[in-house]
Amino acid sequence: MTLTHFDAQGRAHMVDVSQKPVTDRTAMAEAVVRMSAETLALVTQGRAGKGDVLGVARLAGIMAAKRTADLIPLCHPLPLTRAAIDLTPDPALPGIRLRATVRTAGTTGVEMEALTAASVAALTVYDMLKAAEKSMVIDGIRLLSKEGGKSGRYVAEGAEDVA
């Protein structure tokens, strides 16, 4: 397997995608924020001191998707056509399940934008609730699916076919 972010001398470089065809590309990523049932109740009952935890985290994830190239050194800046974050309280965890969906029509994929969106949304949930519980855990950050481009469709093992 060749790692495309390195040249023949092993130096990092931004991949040249200028000769690749423009295709529709979609990626979906997820993350989980685990917390106590008491902290989750602050979210579901609207009693969090900093306000609308899920709404602010949703906006943070969308903003992060749009700024991925500013955060990840070798990512291409992309004109996103969709960035959405679904945040679902899950008493069984207990915690919040986050799912980010990102789309573009371009010459490179949006996997990093989806992963960045899910990660930053999860970090925002943590930030907004840390006064109540510093022991929250963010985990399960992973790519669920992607489609488009030369490598085609990918669905993570154990993930529903969500792309």
Protein backbone atom coordinates (compact mmCIF):
# COMPACT_ATOMS: atom_id res chain seq x y z
CA MET A 1 0.00 0.00 0.00
CA THR A 2 1.29 3.44 -0.93
CA LEU A 3 0.68 6.35 1.41
CA THR A 4 -0.24 9.23 -0.87
CA HIS A 5 0.71 12.04 1.53
CA PHE A 6 4.43 11.28 1.09
CA ASP A 7 6.58 11.86 -1.98
CA ALA A 8 9.27 9.47 -3.28
CA GLN A 9 11.76 10.88 -0.74
CA GLY A 10 9.35 10.36 2.17
CA ARG A 11 8.50 14.04 2.60
CA ALA A 12 4.95 15.07 3.41
CA HIS A 13 3.09 16.85 0.63
CA MET A 14 -0.46 17.76 -0.36
CA VAL A 15 -1.73 15.24 -2.91
CA ASP A 16 -2.34 16.62 -6.40
CA VAL A 17 -6.00 15.89 -7.17
CA SER A 18 -6.21 18.15 -10.23
CA GLN A 19 -6.49 15.25 -12.69
CA LYS A 20 -9.14 13.34 -10.75
CA PRO A 21 -12.72 13.50 -11.96
CA VAL A 22 -15.32 15.44 -10.00
CA THR A 23 -17.74 13.02 -8.36
CA ASP A 24 -20.39 13.26 -5.67
CA ARG A 25 -18.83 12.31 -2.36
CA THR A 26 -20.43 11.60 1.00
CA ALA A 27 -18.99 10.53 4.33
CA MET A 28 -20.56 9.74 7.67
CA ALA A 29 -18.70 9.54 10.98
CA GLU A 30 -19.72 8.98 14.57
CA ALA A 31 -18.58 9.66 18.11
CA VAL A 32 -19.98 8.97 21.57
CA VAL A 33 -19.78 11.06 24.75
CA ARG A 34 -20.33 8.86 27.81
CA MET A 35 -21.50 10.55 31.00
CA SER A 36 -23.46 9.85 34.15
CA ALA A 37 -27.24 9.57 34.00
CA GLU A 38 -27.41 12.75 36.12
CA THR A 39 -25.37 14.72 33.59
CA LEU A 40 -27.42 13.36 30.70
CA ALA A 41 -30.55 14.52 32.52
CA LEU A 42 -29.17 18.08 32.49
CA VAL A 43 -29.14 17.85 28.69
CA THR A 44 -32.48 16.15 28.16
CA GLN A 45 -34.28 18.36 30.69
CA GLY A 46 -32.69 21.58 29.39
CA ARG A 47 -31.00 22.36 32.71
CA ALA A 48 -27.38 22.69 31.54
CA GLY A 49 -25.89 25.92 32.85
CA LYS A 50 -24.35 26.95 29.52
CA GLY A 51 -27.58 26.54 27.55
CA ASP A 52 -28.63 24.36 24.61
CA VAL A 53 -25.88 21.73 24.66
CA LEU A 54 -27.04 19.84 21.58
CA GLY A 55 -27.73 22.96 19.52
CA VAL A 56 -24.34 24.50 20.25
CA ALA A 57 -22.54 21.18 19.61
CA ARG A 58 -24.40 20.82 16.28
CA LEU A 59 -23.22 24.27 15.16
CA ALA A 60 -19.67 23.57 16.34
CA GLY A 61 -19.57 20.35 14.30
CA ILE A 62 -20.83 22.10 11.17
CA MET A 63 -18.29 24.89 11.60
CA ALA A 64 -15.52 22.32 12.14
CA ALA A 65 -16.42 20.46 8.93
CA LYS A 66 -16.05 23.73 7.02
CA ARG A 67 -12.66 24.46 8.64
CA THR A 68 -11.08 21.00 8.41
CA ALA A 69 -8.36 22.14 5.98
CA ASP A 70 -7.31 24.76 8.57
CA LEU A 71 -6.89 22.05 11.23
CA ILE A 72 -5.51 19.02 9.37
CA PRO A 73 -2.33 20.08 7.53
CA LEU A 74 -2.64 18.10 4.29
CA CYS A 75 -6.41 18.29 3.75
CA HIS A 76 -7.68 20.16 0.71
CA PRO A 77 -10.11 23.02 1.32
CA LEU A 78 -13.44 21.77 -0.02
CA PRO A 79 -16.69 23.46 -1.01
CA LEU A 80 -19.09 21.46 1.11
CA THR A 81 -22.64 21.05 -0.11
CA ARG A 82 -23.90 19.55 3.16
CA ALA A 83 -22.74 19.29 6.75
CA ALA A 84 -25.18 17.91 9.30
CA ILE A 85 -24.75 16.63 12.84
CA ASP A 86 -27.31 14.44 14.56
CA LEU A 87 -27.00 14.27 18.36
CA THR A 88 -29.07 11.65 20.15
CA PRO A 89 -29.31 11.29 23.92
CA ASP A 90 -28.96 7.59 24.78
CA PRO A 91 -29.91 6.58 28.35
CA ALA A 92 -28.45 3.11 27.73
CA LEU A 93 -24.88 4.53 27.53
CA PRO A 94 -25.66 6.89 29.28
CA GLY A 95 -24.55 9.70 27.01
CA ILE A 96 -24.87 11.33 23.62
CA ARG A 97 -24.42 9.60 20.26
CA LEU A 98 -23.20 11.93 17.50
CA ARG A 99 -23.35 11.30 13.76
CA ALA A 100 -21.90 13.69 11.18
CA THR A 101 -22.79 13.60 7.48
CA VAL A 102 -20.80 15.65 4.98
CA ARG A 103 -21.18 15.97 1.19
CA THR A 104 -19.42 17.64 -1.70
CA ALA A 105 -18.98 17.31 -5.43
CA GLY A 106 -15.25 17.30 -5.92
CA THR A 107 -11.99 15.56 -6.64
CA THR A 108 -11.27 14.34 -3.12
CA GLY A 109 -13.33 12.79 -0.33
CA VAL A 110 -14.92 14.26 2.77
CA GLU A 111 -13.98 11.60 5.31
CA MET A 112 -11.78 13.98 7.28
CA GLU A 113 -14.51 16.62 7.32
CA ALA A 114 -17.01 14.11 8.75
CA LEU A 115 -14.52 12.85 11.35
CA THR A 116 -13.58 16.41 12.32
CA ALA A 117 -17.24 17.40 12.62
CA ALA A 118 -18.05 14.45 14.89
CA SER A 119 -14.93 15.05 17.02
CA VAL A 120 -15.49 18.77 17.52
CA ALA A 121 -19.19 18.29 18.25
CA ALA A 122 -18.23 15.73 20.91
CA LEU A 123 -15.62 18.08 22.37
CA THR A 124 -18.26 20.80 22.51
CA VAL A 125 -20.63 18.54 24.44
CA TYR A 126 -17.78 17.93 26.88
CA ASP A 127 -17.01 21.65 27.16
CA MET A 128 -20.61 22.57 27.84
CA LEU A 129 -21.01 19.91 30.55
CA LYS A 130 -17.57 19.78 32.17
CA ALA A 131 -18.71 21.86 35.14
CA ALA A 132 -21.15 19.07 35.98
CA GLU A 133 -18.84 16.13 35.20
CA LYS A 134 -15.16 16.16 34.32
CA SER A 135 -14.99 12.36 34.01
CA MET A 136 -17.00 12.18 30.76
CA VAL A 137 -15.38 10.02 28.08
CA ILE A 138 -15.33 10.69 24.34
CA ASP A 139 -14.86 7.51 22.35
CA GLY A 140 -15.88 5.54 19.32
CA ILE A 141 -14.78 8.19 16.83
CA ARG A 142 -14.81 6.41 13.50
CA LEU A 143 -15.76 6.59 9.87
CA LEU A 144 -19.06 4.79 9.34
CA SER A 145 -19.26 5.07 5.58
CA LYS A 146 -18.10 6.92 2.51
CA GLU A 147 -18.97 6.86 -1.14
CA GLY A 148 -17.65 8.40 -4.31
CA GLY A 149 -14.25 8.62 -5.88
CA LYS A 150 -11.86 5.97 -7.12
CA SER A 151 -12.11 3.75 -4.05
CA GLY A 152 -15.91 3.68 -4.26
CA ARG A 153 -18.11 2.73 -1.36
CA TYR A 154 -16.96 1.81 2.15
CA VAL A 155 -19.13 0.75 5.08
CA ALA A 156 -17.46 0.06 8.42
CA GLU A 157 -17.78 -3.41 9.88
CA GLY A 158 -20.76 -3.50 12.19
CA ALA A 159 -22.18 -0.25 10.83
CA GLU A 160 -25.51 -0.16 9.12
CA ASP A 161 -25.37 0.78 5.45
CA VAL A 162 -25.79 4.50 6.05
CA ALA A 163 -24.17 6.36 3.17
